[in-house]
Structures are given as C-alpha cells and as structure tokens.
C-alpha cells in the first residue's frame, strides 16, 4: 500500500524488505552549511520568527556518526560490497577525520543510507540522487562504490534561472542529479520524456504520400550508394532506384531523446504549485524522472519527501509510492495539500505510519528512536525542534507566542525515561538563562510526582494583561492525547482531526 512514514529514514529503511522498490529519488540535505526556514504559518497558523529552522543543513561529528563510521565497513561487507571499496572508505575516513570533520559527518550520514537504498532496489531499478557542487564529487565516488561505476548512467545538470546574480564568480544556476541503476538491465522509457520535434525539423517533412502522410526521403545507408545516408534526397531517386531510399514518416516520429541537461524553471514566488517549503522542487522535474525510469504500478520511494513533490508526481502518473520525512510538519503538509488534492483517504488508498496514536505507541517510539520521540512530542504540541542530535543545553524545542508587542518563546524539554524533581530544577535554570524565554514546558511519558509539580509551582507565574500563566508547565503524553495544550498568551485552539492529529490555529 502507498505509505507515508514519519521518522528517521534510516530506521524505516532497515525495516523495509529487500528488492522492494523500482525507483528511488532523493533530495537530501546538500551539506550547504545553511539553515532553511519553512513558512510554518502555512501548516500550523502559529506565529514563528524567521530564524526558526525548517531543517538544519549543518553537520557535526557527534557520537552517533562516530559509531556509524566504524559500523559502515561491516555493513558494506554484509551487503557484498567489494573489499577494495571498504578499504577506500576506511582511508577516506582517516583522511577527512582531521582535515574536514564536518564533511565526514555528512558523508557518513549519506553513506549508511545509500547502502540501505541499494538493498531496497529491484534489479531493474534506478536511483536519482539530487545534490549540488558542495559535495557532489564526494557523493559520486560513494555512489560508484555502492552501486558500481559500471552502473553509472548520467550526471544530469538541472539548469534554472534564479536571483541573485553574483559578481564574485559565475552565477551558480544548476543542480546535479546522479543517475545510477542497480544492474545493466533496467527500465528506461526514453520515448515518454522525449522532446517534441522543432518547427524547423517538422517543416523538412515536405513530401506527402497518397494517404496524406508527410515524410522525408532519405538514403538507405547502403555502402557504395551515391546517396548513402543523405537527407531529403530528390523524389526521382524513389522512381529510378527505390532500393536506395527509404521514407521517414513524420507521424512515426516519437520525438527527440532528452540530453543530460534539463532546462526546467524553478518554482517562483507566484507559482500556483508553490507551498512555501524551502527546497521544493518543480513537479515537472519529478515527472520526467518518474516517467523515464518507472512504469505504471511500479513503486517509487522518496526517503526525504519534504513537501511531497515526488508523491504527487507518483499519484499523477499511476505509480505506487512510499514517502518518508523526519518532520511532522512535512507529513501534515503532504496530507493536506498533495494527497487531499486527489481525494485519497487515509487507511484506504494510503496509510500513515510512525506517528503515535496512543500512549503505548509513544512508548514504543521512544524505545525505538528517542530522538524521533523527542521531535514528535515537541511538534505534537505545536512546537519547533532544535533539529540537532547533539548537546541541546537543556532545550529540545520551542513554542512561540506574541505578547507585549513582541515574539517570545517557551522552551521545551522532553523526557521519555525516568523523571525526577531535579529535571524541573534544571529546566528552571534553562529558563533563567535564555533571553526571550518567558516560560518553559516539560513533556514526559511517565506520570510526574507531587514533588515535581511543587518544583514547577515554585517557579512562579508570567503575567500579561492581568492574566497569570505558570512559568513552568508540565504535560504528560497521556494529557497530550487527551487534547491538553500549553497555556500561553497566544490563545491556541486545538481541534482533533482524524487519527488523533491536532490542527493548531491562533
């Protein structure tokens, strides 16, 4: 069934069966060392400052990636990748560890996922990796290693027009898409994405037969023929030497095969398909990839589905699809825009997996992936995550609200395991430290003790327009499922939607 997964794609892919996917398109973070803003008001209605990150494309060698760097050679060997490739990975790791640890962190993140994608692809399958010049040369080496240099098909250059123009170097107006296949026998429907004949070419079909069909007369290519492979030869040759000529009919021409550079406009500010997502790609781009490298009924997988362009293209082109994203906001955006447009119903034509619908499921998510549980808990209550699996200085996310003519924040801490009064005292210290933070929220799986509530009460209240709000508030996961929300000056109304989702509006 068509499935929309919420969660870390590495965890999800490891649970997917071998050789189950026909086409993979991925538009992962580019190692651009930038933070991207998502217009959250489109999906939540909540006030949000410009500096809040939709996702963070910056990289550090944290503990998780260090562990993966040691694990990758064993994974490669497990999946039958050649020993010299494993040795190359080890040498590259040693080289970059001191020279460029941020780049190494990014490559570790990508490599362990690309290995899983290779496992998922069917023998006739293809993969398109969307990247840019910041790391494309490294990624190509890794793709050669995992999918085989012999299975490299194209380095597609997607050209587009955009602003601003640079006066320090040539304007950077293209992305790179690396096209690999699983084997030498693969799906490629060149006719489905061919370019129409130009007007100049069409005009050359000036001859008309007895049925009214237009054609060109060409040499048959016979060695020694005076018109061997000539184009547009005179009709007299057909009368005198019919064995030397052949008719090329216009209505039999499919079109011109696409080159490896594509000129497709980006989504401009006024485009109807624009959703406000920072790295949204045009539907025409995904249509070309999906039509060329899959057939109707095939399974298309996008492990970084973002705002869901791949999913919409798959729906339009009658493909099965699997999408995955680490942000609830993306999952919600896809459901409420892409999928809703086609009238598909959750549980019938598609399903959403990974979003807890009960306390028990939340507990399971915490055991499987504590960081994903943290993201879910913050976003479920209308907050925005820090987006980093690193030391967060006691802050897992923030809620924003308007008061006193300014935008203030409520810092959020999430605990899935055992909890104690010291956790509330620590949160109070964070609150006192953070500029712009008026309140703090504590989310927990287990029920708080009386002493924890007393610690929260001891923090006092924040008063605005004569109304007092507890400076430290506690929400249990059970209370979240019951519809309880944070008490802030921005009066937020939570309305239950299908599947226990909350639509948050001011």
Protein backbone atom coordinates (compact mmCIF):
# COMPACT_ATOMS: atom_id res chain seq x y z
CA UNK A 1 0.00 0.00 0.00
CA UNK A 2 1.04 3.61 -0.57
CA UNK A 3 2.67 4.67 2.70
CA UNK A 4 3.74 7.94 4.28
CA UNK A 5 6.31 7.29 7.02
CA UNK A 6 7.09 9.68 9.83
CA UNK A 7 10.56 9.12 11.23
CA UNK A 8 14.26 8.79 10.51
CA UNK A 9 14.56 7.18 7.08
CA UNK A 10 17.49 5.02 8.21
CA UNK A 11 15.35 3.36 10.87
CA UNK A 12 12.47 2.96 8.42
CA UNK A 13 14.57 1.59 5.55
CA UNK A 14 16.10 -1.04 7.81
CA UNK A 15 12.58 -2.37 8.36
CA UNK A 16 11.70 -2.46 4.64
CA UNK A 17 12.09 -5.71 2.65
CA UNK A 18 14.88 -6.37 0.16
CA UNK A 19 14.38 -5.59 -3.56
CA UNK A 20 11.00 -3.96 -2.96
CA UNK A 21 11.39 -0.63 -4.78
CA UNK A 22 11.55 0.19 -8.51
CA UNK A 23 12.73 3.79 -8.36
CA UNK A 24 14.34 5.96 -5.68
CA UNK A 25 14.56 9.72 -5.88
CA UNK A 26 16.23 11.51 -3.02
CA UNK A 27 16.75 15.21 -2.43
CA UNK A 28 18.71 15.07 0.84
CA UNK A 29 20.41 17.94 2.66
CA UNK A 30 23.19 19.28 0.44
CA UNK A 31 25.95 19.87 3.04
CA UNK A 32 25.44 23.56 2.32
CA UNK A 33 26.03 24.65 5.94
CA UNK A 34 22.79 26.60 5.82
CA UNK A 35 19.60 26.57 7.84
CA UNK A 36 16.34 26.61 5.94
CA UNK A 37 13.14 28.33 7.04
CA UNK A 38 9.77 26.78 6.42
CA UNK A 39 6.74 29.02 6.33
CA UNK A 40 5.13 27.18 9.23
CA UNK A 41 2.14 29.53 9.20
CA UNK A 42 1.03 27.64 6.08
CA UNK A 43 0.64 24.45 8.09
CA UNK A 44 0.07 25.46 11.69
CA UNK A 45 -1.08 29.06 11.80
CA UNK A 46 1.32 29.66 14.69
CA UNK A 47 3.44 32.79 14.96
CA UNK A 48 7.00 31.93 14.13
CA UNK A 49 10.16 34.06 13.74
CA UNK A 50 12.14 33.97 10.52
CA UNK A 51 15.19 32.40 12.18
CA UNK A 52 13.42 29.19 13.14
CA UNK A 53 14.77 26.29 11.09
CA UNK A 54 12.65 24.04 8.93
CA UNK A 55 15.66 21.77 8.87
CA UNK A 56 19.32 22.35 9.51
CA UNK A 57 21.88 21.51 6.82
CA UNK A 58 24.91 21.77 9.09
CA UNK A 59 26.92 18.81 10.29
CA UNK A 60 28.98 17.78 13.29
CA UNK A 61 30.81 14.57 14.20
CA UNK A 62 28.56 13.62 17.09
CA UNK A 63 28.63 10.30 18.91
CA UNK A 64 26.07 8.70 16.58
CA UNK A 65 28.08 9.45 13.45
CA UNK A 66 31.31 8.32 15.07
CA UNK A 67 29.70 4.98 15.83
CA UNK A 68 28.36 4.75 12.26
CA UNK A 69 31.83 5.44 10.83
CA UNK A 70 33.01 2.20 12.46
CA UNK A 71 29.83 0.36 11.51
CA UNK A 72 29.81 1.24 7.79
CA UNK A 73 32.66 -1.13 6.74
CA UNK A 74 30.83 -4.04 8.39
CA UNK A 75 27.55 -3.04 6.70
CA UNK A 76 29.31 -2.85 3.34
CA UNK A 77 30.80 -6.31 3.78
CA UNK A 78 27.42 -7.67 4.88
CA UNK A 79 25.82 -6.43 1.65
CA UNK A 80 28.59 -7.80 -0.55
CA UNK A 81 30.38 -4.58 -1.42
CA UNK A 82 33.91 -5.23 -2.67
CA UNK A 83 36.82 -5.29 -0.22
CA UNK A 84 38.75 -2.57 -2.08
CA UNK A 85 35.73 -0.28 -1.70
CA UNK A 86 35.66 -0.97 2.04
CA UNK A 87 39.38 -0.17 2.23
CA UNK A 88 38.80 3.06 0.30
CA UNK A 89 36.11 4.06 2.79
CA UNK A 90 38.50 3.45 5.69
CA UNK A 91 41.22 5.58 4.09
CA UNK A 92 38.79 8.38 3.25
CA UNK A 93 37.51 8.37 6.83
CA UNK A 94 41.06 8.68 8.17
CA UNK A 95 41.84 11.46 5.71
CA UNK A 96 38.79 13.59 6.47
CA UNK A 97 38.65 12.98 10.21
CA UNK A 98 41.13 15.78 10.88
CA UNK A 99 41.02 17.68 7.59
CA UNK A 100 37.26 18.18 7.33
CA UNK A 101 35.23 16.51 10.11
CA UNK A 102 32.01 18.31 9.12
CA UNK A 103 32.20 16.91 5.61
CA UNK A 104 32.96 13.47 7.01
CA UNK A 105 29.90 13.70 9.26
CA UNK A 106 27.75 14.45 6.20
CA UNK A 107 29.26 11.62 4.15
CA UNK A 108 28.73 9.14 6.99
CA UNK A 109 25.10 10.23 7.20
CA UNK A 110 24.64 9.72 3.45
CA UNK A 111 26.69 6.53 3.02
CA UNK A 112 24.87 4.42 5.58
CA UNK A 113 21.56 5.40 3.95
CA UNK A 114 22.72 4.80 0.37
CA UNK A 115 23.80 1.27 1.33
CA UNK A 116 20.24 0.58 2.50
CA UNK A 117 18.80 2.07 -0.69
CA UNK A 118 20.92 -0.27 -2.77
CA UNK A 119 19.46 -3.19 -0.82
CA UNK A 120 15.90 -1.95 -1.44
CA UNK A 121 16.24 -1.52 -5.21
CA UNK A 122 14.99 -4.21 -7.57
CA UNK A 123 17.46 -5.48 -10.21
CA UNK A 124 15.64 -3.37 -12.82
CA UNK A 125 15.55 -0.33 -10.54
CA UNK A 126 17.14 3.11 -10.71
CA UNK A 127 18.20 5.77 -8.23
CA UNK A 128 18.44 9.54 -8.75
CA UNK A 129 20.47 11.43 -6.15
CA UNK A 130 19.86 15.19 -6.18
CA UNK A 131 22.85 17.24 -4.98
CA UNK A 132 24.89 20.38 -5.66
CA UNK A 133 28.61 21.19 -6.09
CA UNK A 134 29.31 21.39 -2.34
CA UNK A 135 29.61 17.60 -2.09
CA UNK A 136 28.56 16.10 -5.44
CA UNK A 137 32.11 14.95 -6.27
CA UNK A 138 32.34 13.02 -2.98
CA UNK A 139 28.85 11.61 -3.39
CA UNK A 140 29.68 10.36 -6.89
CA UNK A 141 32.64 8.41 -5.51
CA UNK A 142 30.38 6.90 -2.84
CA UNK A 143 27.69 6.08 -5.42
CA UNK A 144 30.34 4.41 -7.63
CA UNK A 145 31.42 2.38 -4.62
CA UNK A 146 27.95 1.23 -3.59
CA UNK A 147 26.10 0.90 -6.91
CA UNK A 148 29.12 0.20 -9.11
CA UNK A 149 30.84 2.51 -11.55
CA UNK A 150 29.57 0.31 -14.35
CA UNK A 151 26.00 1.23 -13.35
CA UNK A 152 26.54 4.98 -13.58
CA UNK A 153 24.26 6.32 -16.31
CA UNK A 154 24.25 10.10 -16.19
CA UNK A 155 25.28 13.19 -14.35
CA UNK A 156 22.19 15.24 -15.11
CA UNK A 157 22.56 19.01 -14.94
CA UNK A 158 19.31 20.70 -13.95
CA UNK A 159 19.60 24.30 -15.15
CA UNK A 160 17.34 27.07 -13.91
CA UNK A 161 17.06 30.84 -13.65
CA UNK A 162 17.08 32.50 -10.28
CA UNK A 163 18.31 35.53 -8.39
CA UNK A 164 20.57 36.95 -7.10
CA UNK A 165 23.38 37.22 -9.63
CA UNK A 166 26.96 37.09 -8.36
CA UNK A 167 29.77 39.50 -9.19
CA UNK A 168 32.42 37.43 -7.41
CA UNK A 169 32.09 34.26 -9.51
CA UNK A 170 29.94 32.82 -12.31
CA UNK A 171 26.34 32.56 -11.22
CA UNK A 172 25.50 29.16 -9.73
CA UNK A 173 22.36 28.23 -11.61
CA UNK A 174 22.27 24.46 -11.67
CA UNK A 175 21.94 21.36 -9.50
CA UNK A 176 23.39 17.94 -10.17
CA UNK A 177 21.36 14.73 -10.29
CA UNK A 178 23.36 11.49 -10.24
CA UNK A 179 21.56 8.70 -12.10
CA UNK A 180 22.56 5.09 -11.32
CA UNK A 181 20.89 1.74 -11.91
CA UNK A 182 21.05 -1.48 -9.92
CA UNK A 183 22.15 -3.60 -12.90
CA UNK A 184 22.67 -3.33 -16.65
CA UNK A 185 19.06 -4.37 -17.26
CA UNK A 186 16.84 -1.52 -16.17
CA UNK A 187 13.72 0.46 -17.00
CA UNK A 188 14.27 3.48 -19.22
CA UNK A 189 11.35 4.90 -21.20
CA UNK A 190 13.10 7.47 -23.35
CA UNK A 191 10.05 7.95 -25.52
CA UNK A 192 7.94 9.01 -22.52
CA UNK A 193 10.17 12.01 -21.88
CA UNK A 194 11.32 12.82 -25.41
CA UNK A 195 11.30 16.39 -26.68
CA UNK A 196 8.89 17.36 -29.50
CA UNK A 197 10.41 17.96 -32.90
CA UNK A 198 11.27 21.59 -33.56
CA UNK A 199 9.25 23.62 -36.05
CA UNK A 200 12.30 23.72 -38.34
CA UNK A 201 12.51 19.92 -38.32
CA UNK A 202 8.77 19.49 -38.94
CA UNK A 203 8.99 21.76 -42.00
CA UNK A 204 11.50 19.36 -43.56
CA UNK A 205 8.76 16.73 -43.90
CA UNK A 206 7.52 18.40 -47.06
CA UNK A 207 6.60 15.35 -49.13
CA UNK A 208 3.08 13.92 -48.92
CA UNK A 209 2.02 10.37 -49.91
CA UNK A 210 -1.27 9.22 -51.38
CA UNK A 211 -2.80 8.94 -47.89
CA UNK A 212 -1.86 12.48 -46.95
CA UNK A 213 1.01 11.45 -44.65
CA UNK A 214 4.05 13.73 -44.58
CA UNK A 215 7.52 12.26 -44.98
CA UNK A 216 11.17 12.85 -45.84
CA UNK A 217 13.08 10.80 -48.37
CA UNK A 218 16.48 9.56 -47.16
CA UNK A 219 19.30 7.36 -48.37
CA UNK A 220 19.03 3.81 -47.06
CA UNK A 221 22.67 3.79 -45.90
CA UNK A 222 23.90 1.23 -48.39
CA UNK A 223 27.67 1.13 -48.86
CA UNK A 224 28.63 2.43 -52.29
CA UNK A 225 25.34 4.20 -52.85
CA UNK A 226 25.72 7.74 -54.25
CA UNK A 227 23.10 8.88 -51.73
CA UNK A 228 24.26 6.55 -48.97
CA UNK A 229 22.77 8.31 -45.90
CA UNK A 230 21.75 11.61 -47.42
CA UNK A 231 18.77 13.51 -46.05
CA UNK A 232 15.97 15.00 -48.14
CA UNK A 233 17.00 13.43 -51.46
CA UNK A 234 15.01 14.24 -54.57
CA UNK A 235 11.85 12.14 -55.23
CA UNK A 236 13.32 10.99 -58.58
CA UNK A 237 15.57 8.56 -56.69
CA UNK A 238 12.47 6.72 -55.48
CA UNK A 239 11.37 6.32 -59.10
CA UNK A 240 14.71 5.26 -60.52
CA UNK A 241 16.40 3.48 -57.60
CA UNK A 242 13.79 2.65 -54.94
CA UNK A 243 16.17 0.15 -53.35
CA UNK A 244 18.49 3.03 -52.31
CA UNK A 245 15.94 5.18 -50.47
CA UNK A 246 13.59 4.96 -47.53
CA UNK A 247 10.68 7.11 -46.37
CA UNK A 248 10.89 8.70 -42.92
CA UNK A 249 7.30 9.47 -41.89
CA UNK A 250 6.52 12.38 -39.57
CA UNK A 251 3.67 10.57 -37.76
CA UNK A 252 6.06 7.78 -36.78
CA UNK A 253 8.48 10.10 -35.05
CA UNK A 254 8.22 9.85 -31.26
CA UNK A 255 10.42 12.88 -30.62
CA UNK A 256 14.00 13.67 -29.75
CA UNK A 257 15.73 11.85 -26.91
CA UNK A 258 16.46 14.07 -23.90
CA UNK A 259 20.01 15.23 -23.27
CA UNK A 260 21.67 15.14 -19.85
CA UNK A 261 20.99 18.84 -19.23
CA UNK A 262 17.49 19.93 -18.36
CA UNK A 263 16.19 23.46 -18.50
CA UNK A 264 13.22 23.48 -16.12
CA UNK A 265 12.13 26.62 -14.31
CA UNK A 266 12.30 26.71 -10.54
CA UNK A 267 9.14 27.47 -8.58
CA UNK A 268 8.84 31.24 -8.47
CA UNK A 269 7.15 33.32 -5.79
CA UNK A 270 3.82 33.45 -7.61
CA UNK A 271 3.69 29.87 -8.94
CA UNK A 272 0.45 28.01 -8.16
CA UNK A 273 2.29 24.89 -7.07
CA UNK A 274 4.39 26.79 -4.55
CA UNK A 275 3.83 25.58 -0.96
CA UNK A 276 6.42 27.71 0.81
CA UNK A 277 8.75 24.79 1.51
CA UNK A 278 12.39 25.97 1.29
CA UNK A 279 13.75 23.28 -1.04
CA UNK A 280 10.59 22.49 -3.02
CA UNK A 281 11.34 21.11 -6.49
CA UNK A 282 9.10 21.62 -9.55
CA UNK A 283 6.62 18.91 -10.40
CA UNK A 284 7.92 18.85 -13.99
CA UNK A 285 11.32 17.70 -12.74
CA UNK A 286 9.89 14.70 -10.88
CA UNK A 287 7.51 13.89 -13.72
CA UNK A 288 10.46 13.49 -16.08
CA UNK A 289 12.35 11.20 -13.71
CA UNK A 290 9.34 9.04 -12.82
CA UNK A 291 8.13 8.66 -16.42
CA UNK A 292 11.60 7.76 -17.65
CA UNK A 293 12.63 5.23 -15.00
CA UNK A 294 9.42 3.51 -13.92
CA UNK A 295 6.24 2.04 -15.33
CA UNK A 296 2.64 2.28 -14.17
CA UNK A 297 2.18 0.28 -10.98
CA UNK A 298 5.86 0.45 -10.02
CA UNK A 299 6.89 1.53 -6.52
CA UNK A 300 8.56 4.94 -6.21
CA UNK A 301 10.37 5.72 -2.95
CA UNK A 302 11.43 9.15 -1.66
CA UNK A 303 13.28 8.89 1.68
CA UNK A 304 13.46 12.70 2.09
CA UNK A 305 9.99 13.55 0.80
CA UNK A 306 9.77 17.06 2.29
CA UNK A 307 6.67 18.72 0.89
CA UNK A 308 5.78 15.69 -1.25
CA UNK A 309 6.50 16.62 -4.88
CA UNK A 310 7.62 13.03 -5.60
CA UNK A 311 4.41 11.69 -4.08
CA UNK A 312 2.19 13.95 -6.16
CA UNK A 313 4.05 13.02 -9.34
CA UNK A 314 3.71 9.31 -8.49
CA UNK A 315 -0.04 9.74 -7.93
CA UNK A 316 -0.46 11.62 -11.21
CA UNK A 317 1.49 9.00 -13.15
CA UNK A 318 -0.26 5.96 -11.60
CA UNK A 319 2.70 4.69 -9.60
CA UNK A 320 2.68 3.21 -6.12
CA UNK A 321 4.63 5.33 -3.66
CA UNK A 322 6.46 5.39 -0.34
CA UNK A 323 7.46 8.68 1.28
CA UNK A 324 9.40 9.37 4.45
CA UNK A 325 10.21 12.51 6.41
CA UNK A 326 11.52 13.28 9.87
CA UNK A 327 9.20 16.27 10.46
CA UNK A 328 5.52 16.04 11.37
CA UNK A 329 5.02 19.40 9.67
CA UNK A 330 6.08 17.81 6.35
CA UNK A 331 3.79 14.82 6.83
CA UNK A 332 0.89 17.15 7.62
CA UNK A 333 1.69 19.37 4.64
CA UNK A 334 1.69 16.39 2.27
CA UNK A 335 -1.61 15.10 3.63
CA UNK A 336 -3.36 18.45 3.50
CA UNK A 337 -2.08 19.55 0.07
CA UNK A 338 -0.73 16.81 -2.18
CA UNK A 339 -2.87 13.87 -1.10
CA UNK A 340 -6.05 15.82 -0.36
CA UNK A 341 -5.99 17.18 -3.92
CA UNK A 342 -6.61 13.67 -5.27
CA UNK A 343 -9.23 12.66 -2.72
CA UNK A 344 -7.24 9.76 -1.27
CA UNK A 345 -8.36 8.58 2.14
CA UNK A 346 -6.05 7.51 4.97
CA UNK A 347 -6.39 3.79 5.64
CA UNK A 348 -7.86 3.05 2.23
CA UNK A 349 -5.69 4.35 -0.62
CA UNK A 350 -2.72 5.09 1.61
CA UNK A 351 -1.61 4.90 5.22
CA UNK A 352 0.49 6.99 7.59
CA UNK A 353 2.97 5.07 9.70
CA UNK A 354 5.18 6.05 12.60
CA UNK A 355 3.05 8.74 14.22
CA UNK A 356 1.94 7.51 17.67
CA UNK A 357 -1.81 7.34 18.17
CA UNK A 358 -1.70 6.22 21.79
CA UNK A 359 0.50 6.32 24.88
CA UNK A 360 1.61 2.75 24.16
CA UNK A 361 2.70 3.70 20.64
CA UNK A 362 4.54 6.73 22.01
CA UNK A 363 6.37 4.44 24.44
CA UNK A 364 7.30 2.17 21.52
CA UNK A 365 8.61 5.13 19.51
CA UNK A 366 10.75 6.19 22.47
CA UNK A 367 12.27 2.72 22.75
CA UNK A 368 12.92 2.55 19.00
CA UNK A 369 14.25 6.07 18.49
CA UNK A 370 14.48 8.50 21.45
CA UNK A 371 15.35 11.45 19.22
CA UNK A 372 12.35 10.86 16.98
CA UNK A 373 10.16 10.63 20.08
CA UNK A 374 11.55 14.00 21.12
CA UNK A 375 10.74 15.54 17.72
CA UNK A 376 7.24 14.07 17.77
CA UNK A 377 6.46 15.31 21.30
CA UNK A 378 7.60 18.86 20.58
CA UNK A 379 5.82 19.11 17.23
CA UNK A 380 2.68 17.40 18.52
CA UNK A 381 2.22 20.28 20.97
CA UNK A 382 2.75 22.93 18.30
CA UNK A 383 6.47 23.46 18.87
CA UNK A 384 9.54 23.54 16.72
CA UNK A 385 12.52 21.26 17.32
CA UNK A 386 16.17 22.13 17.65
CA UNK A 387 16.82 19.68 14.76
CA UNK A 388 20.16 18.53 16.18
CA UNK A 389 21.10 15.22 17.76
CA UNK A 390 23.73 16.96 19.81
CA UNK A 391 24.01 18.69 23.16
CA UNK A 392 20.93 20.91 23.30
CA UNK A 393 21.80 22.77 26.52
CA UNK A 394 18.53 21.53 28.01
CA UNK A 395 16.32 22.70 25.13
CA UNK A 396 14.58 20.23 22.82
CA UNK A 397 12.29 22.74 21.15
CA UNK A 398 10.39 25.99 21.47
CA UNK A 399 6.85 27.32 21.36
CA UNK A 400 6.44 30.92 20.17
CA UNK A 401 3.75 33.37 21.27
CA UNK A 402 3.02 37.05 20.91
CA UNK A 403 2.89 39.32 23.97
CA UNK A 404 3.88 42.86 24.83
CA UNK A 405 4.17 43.61 21.11
CA UNK A 406 6.99 41.09 20.74
CA UNK A 407 7.51 37.45 19.89
CA UNK A 408 8.55 35.40 22.94
CA UNK A 409 9.39 31.75 23.36
CA UNK A 410 8.51 28.91 25.67
CA UNK A 411 11.45 26.49 25.89
CA UNK A 412 10.55 22.81 25.80
CA UNK A 413 12.29 19.83 27.42
CA UNK A 414 11.26 16.24 26.66
CA UNK A 415 11.91 13.19 28.84
CA UNK A 416 10.89 9.73 27.75
CA UNK A 417 12.50 7.75 30.56
CA UNK A 418 12.59 8.14 34.32
CA UNK A 419 11.85 11.60 35.67
CA UNK A 420 12.60 13.36 38.96
CA UNK A 421 12.25 16.81 40.62
CA UNK A 422 15.82 17.67 39.60
CA UNK A 423 14.64 17.70 35.98
CA UNK A 424 12.29 20.56 36.76
CA UNK A 425 15.01 22.44 38.64
CA UNK A 426 17.31 22.03 35.66
CA UNK A 427 14.59 23.34 33.35
CA UNK A 428 14.13 26.34 35.60
CA UNK A 429 17.83 27.07 35.26
CA UNK A 430 17.50 26.94 31.48
CA UNK A 431 14.55 29.34 31.64
CA UNK A 432 16.50 31.84 33.70
CA UNK A 433 19.41 31.60 31.28
CA UNK A 434 17.55 32.02 27.99
CA UNK A 435 16.91 35.54 26.72
CA UNK A 436 13.44 35.97 25.26
CA UNK A 437 12.06 32.91 27.05
CA UNK A 438 9.14 33.75 29.31
CA UNK A 439 8.02 30.22 30.11
CA UNK A 440 9.16 26.60 29.94
CA UNK A 441 7.37 23.34 29.17
CA UNK A 442 8.22 19.83 30.33
CA UNK A 443 6.90 16.83 28.35
CA UNK A 444 7.13 13.35 29.87
CA UNK A 445 5.95 9.82 29.23
CA UNK A 446 5.70 8.86 32.89
CA UNK A 447 3.42 10.50 35.41
CA UNK A 448 5.13 13.35 37.36
CA UNK A 449 5.43 13.15 41.13
CA UNK A 450 3.88 15.63 43.53
CA UNK A 451 7.37 17.00 44.23
CA UNK A 452 7.84 17.76 40.52
CA UNK A 453 4.61 19.78 40.41
CA UNK A 454 5.75 21.63 43.54
CA UNK A 455 9.06 22.49 41.86
CA UNK A 456 7.15 23.79 38.84
CA UNK A 457 4.85 25.91 41.06
CA UNK A 458 7.90 27.38 42.82
CA UNK A 459 8.97 28.98 39.53
CA UNK A 460 6.05 31.39 39.80
CA UNK A 461 3.95 32.94 37.03
CA UNK A 462 4.32 35.14 33.99
CA UNK A 463 1.67 37.84 33.93
CA UNK A 464 0.33 39.50 30.79
CA UNK A 465 -2.73 41.76 30.56
CA UNK A 466 -3.83 40.75 34.02
CA UNK A 467 -3.72 37.02 33.31
CA UNK A 468 -1.20 34.77 35.04
CA UNK A 469 0.46 31.86 33.27
CA UNK A 470 2.60 29.27 35.05
CA UNK A 471 6.23 29.85 34.11
CA UNK A 472 6.91 26.12 34.12
CA UNK A 473 4.19 23.83 32.82
CA UNK A 474 4.14 20.03 32.70
CA UNK A 475 2.37 17.95 30.05
CA UNK A 476 2.30 14.17 30.05
CA UNK A 477 1.92 12.24 26.81
CA UNK A 478 -1.40 10.95 28.13
CA UNK A 479 -2.62 14.55 28.58
CA UNK A 480 -1.43 15.44 25.08
CA UNK A 481 -3.58 12.66 23.62
CA UNK A 482 -6.48 13.94 25.70
CA UNK A 483 -6.15 17.30 23.97
CA UNK A 484 -4.44 19.35 26.67
CA UNK A 485 -2.19 22.13 25.36
CA UNK A 486 0.22 24.76 26.64
CA UNK A 487 -1.31 27.78 28.39
CA UNK A 488 0.25 30.83 26.70
CA UNK A 489 -0.91 34.37 25.85
CA UNK A 490 -1.44 33.32 22.22
CA UNK A 491 -4.74 31.54 22.76
CA UNK A 492 -4.23 28.43 20.73
CA UNK A 493 -7.19 26.22 19.99
CA UNK A 494 -6.54 22.53 19.43
CA UNK A 495 -9.06 20.69 17.32
CA UNK A 496 -8.94 16.93 16.99
CA UNK A 497 -8.61 15.63 13.46
CA UNK A 498 -8.73 12.09 12.07
CA UNK A 499 -6.10 9.83 13.57
CA UNK A 500 -5.60 11.99 16.65
CA UNK A 501 -3.73 14.73 14.80
CA UNK A 502 -4.10 18.27 16.09
CA UNK A 503 -4.58 21.23 13.79
CA UNK A 504 -3.23 24.23 15.66
CA UNK A 505 -4.53 27.70 14.89
CA UNK A 506 -4.40 31.03 16.64
